[in-house]
Amino acid sequence: MAKKILKLTVNGSPVEMATSDNRTPSQFLREILNLTGTKVGCDMGTCGCCTVTVNGRPRLACLTLAMECAGAKIETIEALKSEALHPLQRAFSECGGSQCGFCT
């Protein structure tokens, strides 16, 4: 299958890569960019553990095609990384949420 050039922004950094039409963000985030915070649970869109934001809106990275994200801004859980806890991380901690986030 022929590869196409995909340009987008991931966690604030510009990314340009060759990818095939059937590749998903969950694949390139984990396999190419080594951003393993985006989990692949069911690979069918039911569990939600692959959720990322694309242009500020939640998307399931296992059901979205990479080329649909051309020119987009993707944020993964790694974008929340800082010295202080992000409000989402604090809520997980205070409410006893599972760190993997699979069922929370």
PDB file of N, CA and C in Angstrom:
ATOM      1  N   MET A   1       0.848  -1.172   0.000  1.00  0.00           N
ATOM      2  CA  MET A   1       0.000   0.000   0.000  1.00  0.00           C
ATOM      3  C   MET A   1       0.897   1.239   0.000  1.00  0.00           C
ATOM      4  N   ALA A   2       0.534   2.212  -0.816  1.00  0.00           N
ATOM      5  CA  ALA A   2       1.319   3.442  -0.925  1.00  0.00           C
ATOM      6  C   ALA A   2       1.226   4.260   0.356  1.00  0.00           C
ATOM      7  N   LYS A   3       2.321   4.878   0.706  1.00  0.00           N
ATOM      8  CA  LYS A   3       2.355   5.730   1.901  1.00  0.00           C
ATOM      9  C   LYS A   3       2.127   7.178   1.493  1.00  0.00           C
ATOM     10  N   LYS A   4       1.519   7.921   2.411  1.00  0.00           N
ATOM     11  CA  LYS A   4       1.276   9.346   2.211  1.00  0.00           C
ATOM     12  C   LYS A   4       1.947  10.106   3.346  1.00  0.00           C
ATOM     13  N   ILE A   5       2.263  11.364   3.096  1.00  0.00           N
ATOM     14  CA  ILE A   5       2.873  12.199   4.125  1.00  0.00           C
ATOM     15  C   ILE A   5       1.763  12.819   4.967  1.00  0.00           C
ATOM     16  N   LEU A   6       1.867  12.645   6.259  1.00  0.00           N
ATOM     17  CA  LEU A   6       0.909  13.187   7.217  1.00  0.00           C
ATOM     18  C   LEU A   6       1.619  14.252   8.044  1.00  0.00           C
ATOM     19  N   LYS A   7       1.045  15.451   8.063  1.00  0.00           N
ATOM     20  CA  LYS A   7       1.573  16.541   8.888  1.00  0.00           C
ATOM     21  C   LYS A   7       0.510  16.920   9.901  1.00  0.00           C
ATOM     22  N   LEU A   8       0.905  16.992  11.171  1.00  0.00           N
ATOM     23  CA  LEU A   8       0.001  17.356  12.246  1.00  0.00           C
ATOM     24  C   LEU A   8       0.818  17.825  13.437  1.00  0.00           C
ATOM     25  N   THR A   9       0.140  18.196  14.503  1.00  0.00           N
ATOM     26  CA  THR A   9       0.802  18.598  15.740  1.00  0.00           C
ATOM     27  C   THR A   9       0.378  17.632  16.833  1.00  0.00           C
ATOM     28  N   VAL A  10       1.349  17.090  17.557  1.00  0.00           N
ATOM     29  CA  VAL A  10       1.058  16.167  18.656  1.00  0.00           C
ATOM     30  C   VAL A  10       1.661  16.747  19.929  1.00  0.00           C
ATOM     31  N   ASN A  11       0.808  17.001  20.900  1.00  0.00           N
ATOM     32  CA  ASN A  11       1.231  17.561  22.189  1.00  0.00           C
ATOM     33  C   ASN A  11       2.089  18.816  22.009  1.00  0.00           C
ATOM     34  N   GLY A  12       1.700  19.641  21.043  1.00  0.00           N
ATOM     35  CA  GLY A  12       2.381  20.910  20.818  1.00  0.00           C
ATOM     36  C   GLY A  12       3.594  20.856  19.912  1.00  0.00           C
ATOM     37  N   SER A  13       3.986  19.665  19.476  1.00  0.00           N
ATOM     38  CA  SER A  13       5.159  19.526  18.606  1.00  0.00           C
ATOM     39  C   SER A  13       4.739  19.157  17.188  1.00  0.00           C
ATOM     40  N   PRO A  14       5.322  19.801  16.177  1.00  0.00           N
ATOM     41  CA  PRO A  14       4.990  19.436  14.800  1.00  0.00           C
ATOM     42  C   PRO A  14       5.521  18.043  14.477  1.00  0.00           C
ATOM     43  N   VAL A  15       4.716  17.283  13.739  1.00  0.00           N
ATOM     44  CA  VAL A  15       5.081  15.916  13.354  1.00  0.00           C
ATOM     45  C   VAL A  15       4.821  15.771  11.859  1.00  0.00           C
ATOM     46  N   GLU A  16       5.759  15.141  11.176  1.00  0.00           N
ATOM     47  CA  GLU A  16       5.591  14.799   9.765  1.00  0.00           C
ATOM     48  C   GLU A  16       6.056  13.367   9.599  1.00  0.00           C
ATOM     49  N   MET A  17       5.207  12.522   9.017  1.00  0.00           N
ATOM     50  CA  MET A  17       5.557  11.112   8.867  1.00  0.00           C
ATOM     51  C   MET A  17       4.899  10.524   7.636  1.00  0.00           C
ATOM     52  N   ALA A  18       5.480   9.464   7.137  1.00  0.00           N
ATOM     53  CA  ALA A  18       4.869   8.692   6.060  1.00  0.00           C
ATOM     54  C   ALA A  18       3.976   7.644   6.704  1.00  0.00           C
ATOM     55  N   THR A  19       2.751   7.531   6.205  1.00  0.00           N
ATOM     56  CA  THR A  19       1.823   6.568   6.792  1.00  0.00           C
ATOM     57  C   THR A  19       0.893   6.018   5.721  1.00  0.00           C
ATOM     58  N   SER A  20       0.304   4.880   5.991  1.00  0.00           N
ATOM     59  CA  SER A  20      -0.644   4.267   5.064  1.00  0.00           C
ATOM     60  C   SER A  20      -2.064   4.718   5.391  1.00  0.00           C
ATOM     61  N   ASP A  21      -2.964   4.538   4.434  1.00  0.00           N
ATOM     62  CA  ASP A  21      -4.353   4.974   4.594  1.00  0.00           C
ATOM     63  C   ASP A  21      -5.074   4.292   5.753  1.00  0.00           C
ATOM     64  N   ASN A  22      -4.685   3.066   6.078  1.00  0.00           N
ATOM     65  CA  ASN A  22      -5.418   2.323   7.109  1.00  0.00           C
ATOM     66  C   ASN A  22      -4.796   2.418   8.505  1.00  0.00           C
ATOM     67  N   ARG A  23      -3.764   3.198   8.673  1.00  0.00           N
ATOM     68  CA  ARG A  23      -3.126   3.365   9.993  1.00  0.00           C
ATOM     69  C   ARG A  23      -3.981   4.274  10.864  1.00  0.00           C
ATOM     70  N   THR A  24      -4.020   3.978  12.159  1.00  0.00           N
ATOM     71  CA  THR A  24      -4.798   4.775  13.108  1.00  0.00           C
ATOM     72  C   THR A  24      -3.868   5.593  14.003  1.00  0.00           C
ATOM     73  N   PRO A  25      -4.396   6.660  14.606  1.00  0.00           N
ATOM     74  CA  PRO A  25      -3.574   7.403  15.563  1.00  0.00           C
ATOM     75  C   PRO A  25      -3.067   6.527  16.708  1.00  0.00           C
ATOM     76  N   SER A  26      -3.879   5.589  17.174  1.00  0.00           N
ATOM     77  CA  SER A  26      -3.402   4.737  18.271  1.00  0.00           C
ATOM     78  C   SER A  26      -2.148   3.975  17.851  1.00  0.00           C
ATOM     79  N   GLN A  27      -2.061   3.604  16.592  1.00  0.00           N
ATOM     80  CA  GLN A  27      -0.875   2.894  16.106  1.00  0.00           C
ATOM     81  C   GLN A  27       0.331   3.822  16.001  1.00  0.00           C
ATOM     82  N   PHE A  28       0.177   4.972  15.326  1.00  0.00           N
ATOM     83  CA  PHE A  28       1.366   5.805  15.143  1.00  0.00           C
ATOM     84  C   PHE A  28       1.797   6.496  16.423  1.00  0.00           C
ATOM     85  N   LEU A  29       0.853   6.805  17.313  1.00  0.00           N
ATOM     86  CA  LEU A  29       1.247   7.420  18.588  1.00  0.00           C
ATOM     87  C   LEU A  29       2.122   6.470  19.393  1.00  0.00           C
ATOM     88  N   ARG A  30       1.726   5.206  19.453  1.00  0.00           N
ATOM     89  CA  ARG A  30       2.453   4.225  20.248  1.00  0.00           C
ATOM     90  C   ARG A  30       3.709   3.717  19.524  1.00  0.00           C
ATOM     91  N   GLU A  31       3.560   3.338  18.254  1.00  0.00           N
ATOM     92  CA  GLU A  31       4.635   2.650  17.540  1.00  0.00           C
ATOM     93  C   GLU A  31       5.706   3.582  16.981  1.00  0.00           C
ATOM     94  N   ILE A  32       5.320   4.753  16.531  1.00  0.00           N
ATOM     95  CA  ILE A  32       6.284   5.664  15.909  1.00  0.00           C
ATOM     96  C   ILE A  32       6.749   6.741  16.884  1.00  0.00           C
ATOM     97  N   LEU A  33       5.799   7.337  17.613  1.00  0.00           N
ATOM     98  CA  LEU A  33       6.145   8.444  18.507  1.00  0.00           C
ATOM     99  C   LEU A  33       6.434   7.998  19.940  1.00  0.00           C
ATOM    100  N   ASN A  34       6.252   6.715  20.243  1.00  0.00           N
ATOM    101  CA  ASN A  34       6.499   6.157  21.578  1.00  0.00           C
ATOM    102  C   ASN A  34       5.700   6.851  22.668  1.00  0.00           C
ATOM    103  N   LEU A  35       4.495   7.298  22.342  1.00  0.00           N
ATOM    104  CA  LEU A  35       3.579   7.888  23.326  1.00  0.00           C
ATOM    105  C   LEU A  35       2.630   6.782  23.777  1.00  0.00           C
ATOM    106  N   THR A  36       3.042   6.047  24.776  1.00  0.00           N
ATOM    107  CA  THR A  36       2.312   4.845  25.182  1.00  0.00           C
ATOM    108  C   THR A  36       1.186   5.117  26.171  1.00  0.00           C
ATOM    109  N   GLY A  37       0.936   6.375  26.494  1.00  0.00           N
ATOM    110  CA  GLY A  37      -0.194   6.702  27.364  1.00  0.00           C
ATOM    111  C   GLY A  37      -1.524   6.441  26.690  1.00  0.00           C
ATOM    112  N   THR A  38      -1.538   6.462  25.364  1.00  0.00           N
ATOM    113  CA  THR A  38      -2.736   6.123  24.600  1.00  0.00           C
ATOM    114  C   THR A  38      -2.798   4.606  24.533  1.00  0.00           C
ATOM    115  N   LYS A  39      -3.707   4.029  25.286  1.00  0.00           N
ATOM    116  CA  LYS A  39      -3.804   2.571  25.381  1.00  0.00           C
ATOM    117  C   LYS A  39      -4.687   2.008  24.274  1.00  0.00           C
ATOM    118  N   VAL A  40      -4.496   0.746  23.967  1.00  0.00           N
ATOM    119  CA  VAL A  40      -5.366   0.033  23.037  1.00  0.00           C
ATOM    120  C   VAL A  40      -5.949  -1.128  23.818  1.00  0.00           C
ATOM    121  N   GLY A  41      -7.233  -1.017  24.150  1.00  0.00           N
ATOM    122  CA  GLY A  41      -7.892  -2.057  24.929  1.00  0.00           C
ATOM    123  C   GLY A  41      -8.664  -3.000  24.031  1.00  0.00           C
ATOM    124  N   CYS A  42      -9.769  -2.516  23.504  1.00  0.00           N
ATOM    125  CA  CYS A  42     -10.660  -3.368  22.723  1.00  0.00           C
ATOM    126  C   CYS A  42     -10.398  -3.270  21.223  1.00  0.00           C
ATOM    127  N   ASP A  43      -9.822  -2.160  20.760  1.00  0.00           N
ATOM    128  CA  ASP A  43      -9.588  -1.892  19.339  1.00  0.00           C
ATOM    129  C   ASP A  43     -10.891  -1.894  18.535  1.00  0.00           C
ATOM    130  N   MET A  44     -12.019  -1.628  19.223  1.00  0.00           N
ATOM    131  CA  MET A  44     -13.337  -1.581  18.582  1.00  0.00           C
ATOM    132  C   MET A  44     -14.115  -0.331  18.969  1.00  0.00           C
ATOM    133  N   GLY A  45     -13.543   0.523  19.805  1.00  0.00           N
ATOM    134  CA  GLY A  45     -14.205   1.759  20.182  1.00  0.00           C
ATOM    135  C   GLY A  45     -15.165   1.672  21.344  1.00  0.00           C
ATOM    136  N   THR A  46     -15.172   0.570  22.072  1.00  0.00           N
ATOM    137  CA  THR A  46     -16.111   0.447  23.187  1.00  0.00           C
ATOM    138  C   THR A  46     -15.512   0.808  24.539  1.00  0.00           C
ATOM    139  N   CYS A  47     -14.227   0.608  24.736  1.00  0.00           N
ATOM    140  CA  CYS A  47     -13.661   0.823  26.073  1.00  0.00           C
ATOM    141  C   CYS A  47     -13.255   2.272  26.326  1.00  0.00           C
ATOM    142  N   GLY A  48     -12.853   2.992  25.302  1.00  0.00           N
ATOM    143  CA  GLY A  48     -12.486   4.394  25.455  1.00  0.00           C
ATOM    144  C   GLY A  48     -11.081   4.663  25.947  1.00  0.00           C
ATOM    145  N   CYS A  49     -10.284   3.624  26.202  1.00  0.00           N
ATOM    146  CA  CYS A  49      -8.951   3.888  26.759  1.00  0.00           C
ATOM    147  C   CYS A  49      -7.972   4.439  25.725  1.00  0.00           C
ATOM    148  N   CYS A  50      -8.381   4.545  24.477  1.00  0.00           N
ATOM    149  CA  CYS A  50      -7.529   5.134  23.442  1.00  0.00           C
ATOM    150  C   CYS A  50      -7.903   6.587  23.158  1.00  0.00           C
ATOM    151  N   THR A  51      -8.766   7.175  23.966  1.00  0.00           N
ATOM    152  CA  THR A  51      -9.257   8.525  23.701  1.00  0.00           C
ATOM    153  C   THR A  51      -8.135   9.559  23.729  1.00  0.00           C
ATOM    154  N   VAL A  52      -8.106  10.380  22.700  1.00  0.00           N
ATOM    155  CA  VAL A  52      -7.215  11.537  22.599  1.00  0.00           C
ATOM    156  C   VAL A  52      -8.091  12.724  22.216  1.00  0.00           C
ATOM    157  N   THR A  53      -7.539  13.925  22.246  1.00  0.00           N
ATOM    158  CA  THR A  53      -8.299  15.043  21.702  1.00  0.00           C
ATOM    159  C   THR A  53      -7.708  15.418  20.349  1.00  0.00           C
ATOM    160  N   VAL A  54      -8.595  15.657  19.401  1.00  0.00           N
ATOM    161  CA  VAL A  54      -8.225  16.115  18.065  1.00  0.00           C
ATOM    162  C   VAL A  54      -8.901  17.465  17.882  1.00  0.00           C
ATOM    163  N   ASN A  55      -8.081  18.493  17.790  1.00  0.00           N
ATOM    164  CA  ASN A  55      -8.591  19.869  17.725  1.00  0.00           C
ATOM    165  C   ASN A  55      -9.542  20.166  18.878  1.00  0.00           C
ATOM    166  N   GLY A  56      -9.170  19.660  20.065  1.00  0.00           N
ATOM    167  CA  GLY A  56      -9.920  19.949  21.283  1.00  0.00           C
ATOM    168  C   GLY A  56     -11.140  19.087  21.525  1.00  0.00           C
ATOM    169  N   ARG A  57     -11.418  18.156  20.634  1.00  0.00           N
ATOM    170  CA  ARG A  57     -12.592  17.291  20.802  1.00  0.00           C
ATOM    171  C   ARG A  57     -12.151  15.846  21.007  1.00  0.00           C
ATOM    172  N   PRO A  58     -12.797  15.113  21.915  1.00  0.00           N
ATOM    173  CA  PRO A  58     -12.398  13.720  22.144  1.00  0.00           C
ATOM    174  C   PRO A  58     -12.663  12.845  20.926  1.00  0.00           C
ATOM    175  N   ARG A  59     -11.684  12.001  20.621  1.00  0.00           N
ATOM    176  CA  ARG A  59     -11.815  11.042  19.520  1.00  0.00           C
ATOM    177  C   ARG A  59     -11.229   9.713  19.975  1.00  0.00           C
ATOM    178  N   LEU A  60     -11.795   8.636  19.488  1.00  0.00           N
ATOM    179  CA  LEU A  60     -11.256   7.307  19.763  1.00  0.00           C
ATOM    180  C   LEU A  60     -10.144   7.038  18.750  1.00  0.00           C
ATOM    181  N   ALA A  61      -8.934   6.926  19.244  1.00  0.00           N
ATOM    182  CA  ALA A  61      -7.772   6.791  18.363  1.00  0.00           C
ATOM    183  C   ALA A  61      -7.713   5.448  17.658  1.00  0.00           C
ATOM    184  N   CYS A  62      -8.476   4.468  18.117  1.00  0.00           N
ATOM    185  CA  CYS A  62      -8.469   3.167  17.444  1.00  0.00           C
ATOM    186  C   CYS A  62      -9.445   3.125  16.269  1.00  0.00           C
ATOM    187  N   LEU A  63     -10.397   4.059  16.220  1.00  0.00           N
ATOM    188  CA  LEU A  63     -11.390   4.073  15.141  1.00  0.00           C
ATOM    189  C   LEU A  63     -11.174   5.193  14.134  1.00  0.00           C
ATOM    190  N   THR A  64     -10.278   6.101  14.434  1.00  0.00           N
ATOM    191  CA  THR A  64     -10.006   7.238  13.562  1.00  0.00           C
ATOM    192  C   THR A  64      -8.865   6.864  12.625  1.00  0.00           C
ATOM    193  N   LEU A  65      -8.955   7.267  11.377  1.00  0.00           N
ATOM    194  CA  LEU A  65      -7.842   7.040  10.461  1.00  0.00           C
ATOM    195  C   LEU A  65      -6.841   8.180  10.594  1.00  0.00           C
ATOM    196  N   ALA A  66      -5.582   7.837  10.521  1.00  0.00           N
ATOM    197  CA  ALA A  66      -4.527   8.834  10.690  1.00  0.00           C
ATOM    198  C   ALA A  66      -4.697   9.996   9.718  1.00  0.00           C
ATOM    199  N   MET A  67      -5.037   9.708   8.468  1.00  0.00           N
ATOM    200  CA  MET A  67      -5.153  10.766   7.467  1.00  0.00           C
ATOM    201  C   MET A  67      -6.308  11.721   7.769  1.00  0.00           C
ATOM    202  N   GLU A  68      -7.275  11.298   8.586  1.00  0.00           N
ATOM    203  CA  GLU A  68      -8.343  12.205   9.019  1.00  0.00           C
ATOM    204  C   GLU A  68      -7.785  13.298   9.927  1.00  0.00           C
ATOM    205  N   CYS A  69      -6.604  13.086  10.452  1.00  0.00           N
ATOM    206  CA  CYS A  69      -5.989  14.028  11.393  1.00  0.00           C
ATOM    207  C   CYS A  69      -5.002  14.973  10.713  1.00  0.00           C
ATOM    208  N   ALA A  70      -4.931  14.947   9.398  1.00  0.00           N
ATOM    209  CA  ALA A  70      -3.999  15.821   8.681  1.00  0.00           C
ATOM    210  C   ALA A  70      -4.255  17.274   9.068  1.00  0.00           C
ATOM    211  N   GLY A  71      -3.204  17.958   9.483  1.00  0.00           N
ATOM    212  CA  GLY A  71      -3.296  19.355   9.878  1.00  0.00           C
ATOM    213  C   GLY A  71      -3.881  19.594  11.256  1.00  0.00           C
ATOM    214  N   ALA A  72      -4.259  18.535  11.950  1.00  0.00           N
ATOM    215  CA  ALA A  72      -4.934  18.660  13.249  1.00  0.00           C
ATOM    216  C   ALA A  72      -3.938  18.801  14.394  1.00  0.00           C
ATOM    217  N   LYS A  73      -4.482  19.176  15.545  1.00  0.00           N
ATOM    218  CA  LYS A  73      -3.724  19.223  16.794  1.00  0.00           C
ATOM    219  C   LYS A  73      -4.235  18.088  17.667  1.00  0.00           C
ATOM    220  N   ILE A  74      -3.374  17.109  17.927  1.00  0.00           N
ATOM    221  CA  ILE A  74      -3.721  15.969  18.776  1.00  0.00           C
ATOM    222  C   ILE A  74      -3.062  16.164  20.132  1.00  0.00           C
ATOM    223  N   GLU A  75      -3.813  15.886  21.184  1.00  0.00           N
ATOM    224  CA  GLU A  75      -3.242  15.862  22.533  1.00  0.00           C
ATOM    225  C   GLU A  75      -3.518  14.503  23.143  1.00  0.00           C
ATOM    226  N   THR A  76      -2.477  13.933  23.737  1.00  0.00           N
ATOM    227  CA  THR A  76      -2.587  12.665  24.445  1.00  0.00           C
ATOM    228  C   THR A  76      -2.471  12.937  25.941  1.00  0.00           C
ATOM    229  N   ILE A  77      -2.591  11.910  26.729  1.00  0.00           N
ATOM    230  CA  ILE A  77      -2.464  12.053  28.177  1.00  0.00           C
ATOM    231  C   ILE A  77      -1.090  12.613  28.544  1.00  0.00           C
ATOM    232  N   GLU A  78      -0.082  12.347  27.711  1.00  0.00           N
ATOM    233  CA  GLU A  78       1.259  12.867  27.988  1.00  0.00           C
ATOM    234  C   GLU A  78       1.304  14.397  27.968  1.00  0.00           C
ATOM    235  N   ALA A  79       0.340  15.030  27.310  1.00  0.00           N
ATOM    236  CA  ALA A  79       0.297  16.500  27.264  1.00  0.00           C
ATOM    237  C   ALA A  79       0.008  17.092  28.641  1.00  0.00           C
ATOM    238  N   LEU A  80      -0.518  16.292  29.561  1.00  0.00           N
ATOM    239  CA  LEU A  80      -0.835  16.766  30.909  1.00  0.00           C
ATOM    240  C   LEU A  80       0.381  16.761  31.828  1.00  0.00           C
ATOM    241  N   LYS A  81       1.485  16.210  31.354  1.00  0.00           N
ATOM    242  CA  LYS A  81       2.676  16.037  32.185  1.00  0.00           C
ATOM    243  C   LYS A  81       3.236  17.378  32.652  1.00  0.00           C
ATOM    244  N   SER A  82       3.429  17.485  33.951  1.00  0.00           N
ATOM    245  CA  SER A  82       4.077  18.651  34.550  1.00  0.00           C
ATOM    246  C   SER A  82       4.495  18.275  35.964  1.00  0.00           C
ATOM    247  N   GLU A  83       5.127  19.202  36.652  1.00  0.00           N
ATOM    248  CA  GLU A  83       5.548  18.944  38.031  1.00  0.00           C
ATOM    249  C   GLU A  83       4.342  18.801  38.960  1.00  0.00           C
ATOM    250  N   ALA A  84       3.344  19.646  38.774  1.00  0.00           N
ATOM    251  CA  ALA A  84       2.134  19.596  39.608  1.00  0.00           C
ATOM    252  C   ALA A  84       1.103  18.689  38.942  1.00  0.00           C
ATOM    253  N   LEU A  85       0.229  18.127  39.744  1.00  0.00           N
ATOM    254  CA  LEU A  85      -0.832  17.298  39.187  1.00  0.00           C
ATOM    255  C   LEU A  85      -1.819  18.151  38.402  1.00  0.00           C
ATOM    256  N   HIS A  86      -2.213  17.656  37.244  1.00  0.00           N
ATOM    257  CA  HIS A  86      -3.267  18.273  36.445  1.00  0.00           C
ATOM    258  C   HIS A  86      -4.586  18.016  37.180  1.00  0.00           C
ATOM    259  N   PRO A  87      -5.589  18.880  37.040  1.00  0.00           N
ATOM    260  CA  PRO A  87      -6.877  18.648  37.714  1.00  0.00           C
ATOM    261  C   PRO A  87      -7.465  17.263  37.433  1.00  0.00           C
ATOM    262  N   LEU A  88      -7.270  16.742  36.221  1.00  0.00           N
ATOM    263  CA  LEU A  88      -7.767  15.401  35.911  1.00  0.00           C
ATOM    264  C   LEU A  88      -7.026  14.352  36.733  1.00  0.00           C
ATOM    265  N   GLN A  89      -5.713  14.486  36.840  1.00  0.00           N
ATOM    266  CA  GLN A  89      -4.930  13.543  37.636  1.00  0.00           C
ATOM    267  C   GLN A  89      -5.296  13.640  39.114  1.00  0.00           C
ATOM    268  N   ARG A  90      -5.509  14.847  39.593  1.00  0.00           N
ATOM    269  CA  ARG A  90      -5.901  15.051  40.989  1.00  0.00           C
ATOM    270  C   ARG A  90      -7.252  14.384  41.265  1.00  0.00           C
ATOM    271  N   ALA A  91      -8.200  14.515  40.336  1.00  0.00           N
ATOM    272  CA  ALA A  91      -9.518  13.894  40.502  1.00  0.00           C
ATOM    273  C   ALA A  91      -9.396  12.370  40.552  1.00  0.00           C
ATOM    274  N   PHE A  92      -8.542  11.795  39.703  1.00  0.00           N
ATOM    275  CA  PHE A  92      -8.328  10.345  39.744  1.00  0.00           C
ATOM    276  C   PHE A  92      -7.812   9.938  41.116  1.00  0.00           C
ATOM    277  N   SER A  93      -6.844  10.683  41.624  1.00  0.00           N
ATOM    278  CA  SER A  93      -6.244  10.372  42.914  1.00  0.00           C
ATOM    279  C   SER A  93      -7.250  10.500  44.052  1.00  0.00           C
ATOM    280  N   GLU A  94      -7.983  11.595  44.071  1.00  0.00           N
ATOM    281  CA  GLU A  94      -8.929  11.849  45.158  1.00  0.00           C
ATOM    282  C   GLU A  94     -10.124  10.906  45.144  1.00  0.00           C
ATOM    283  N   CYS A  95     -10.506  10.433  43.969  1.00  0.00           N
ATOM    284  CA  CYS A  95     -11.695   9.577  43.859  1.00  0.00           C
ATOM    285  C   CYS A  95     -11.354   8.098  43.743  1.00  0.00           C
ATOM    286  N   GLY A  96     -10.073   7.760  43.831  1.00  0.00           N
ATOM    287  CA  GLY A  96      -9.670   6.353  43.788  1.00  0.00           C
ATOM    288  C   GLY A  96      -9.758   5.737  42.404  1.00  0.00           C
ATOM    289  N   GLY A  97      -9.629   6.559  41.361  1.00  0.00           N
ATOM    290  CA  GLY A  97      -9.682   6.034  39.994  1.00  0.00           C
ATOM    291  C   GLY A  97      -8.473   5.171  39.691  1.00  0.00           C
ATOM    292  N   SER A  98      -8.677   4.163  38.886  1.00  0.00           N
ATOM    293  CA  SER A  98      -7.596   3.277  38.485  1.00  0.00           C
ATOM    294  C   SER A  98      -6.622   4.029  37.587  1.00  0.00           C
ATOM    295  N   GLN A  99      -5.333   3.824  37.792  1.00  0.00           N
ATOM    296  CA  GLN A  99      -4.333   4.537  37.010  1.00  0.00           C
ATOM    297  C   GLN A  99      -4.420   4.194  35.532  1.00  0.00           C
ATOM    298  N   CYS A 100      -4.791   2.969  35.203  1.00  0.00           N
ATOM    299  CA  CYS A 100      -4.836   2.614  33.782  1.00  0.00           C
ATOM    300  C   CYS A 100      -5.988   3.315  33.082  1.00  0.00           C
ATOM    301  N   GLY A 101      -7.028   3.685  33.807  1.00  0.00           N
ATOM    302  CA  GLY A 101      -8.139   4.422  33.221  1.00  0.00           C
ATOM    303  C   GLY A 101      -9.069   3.588  32.368  1.00  0.00           C
ATOM    304  N   PHE A 102      -8.871   2.287  32.310  1.00  0.00           N
ATOM    305  CA  PHE A 102      -9.680   1.433  31.442  1.00  0.00           C
ATOM    306  C   PHE A 102     -11.164   1.532  31.767  1.00  0.00           C
ATOM    307  N   CYS A 103     -11.511   1.472  33.033  1.00  0.00           N
ATOM    308  CA  CYS A 103     -12.939   1.470  33.379  1.00  0.00           C
ATOM    309  C   CYS A 103     -13.373   2.741  34.093  1.00  0.00           C
ATOM    310  N   THR A 104     -12.491   3.730  34.211  1.00  0.00           N
ATOM    311  CA  THR A 104     -12.897   4.960  34.893  1.00  0.00           C
ATOM    312  C   THR A 104     -13.193   6.006  33.895  1.00  0.00           C
TER     313      THR A 104
END
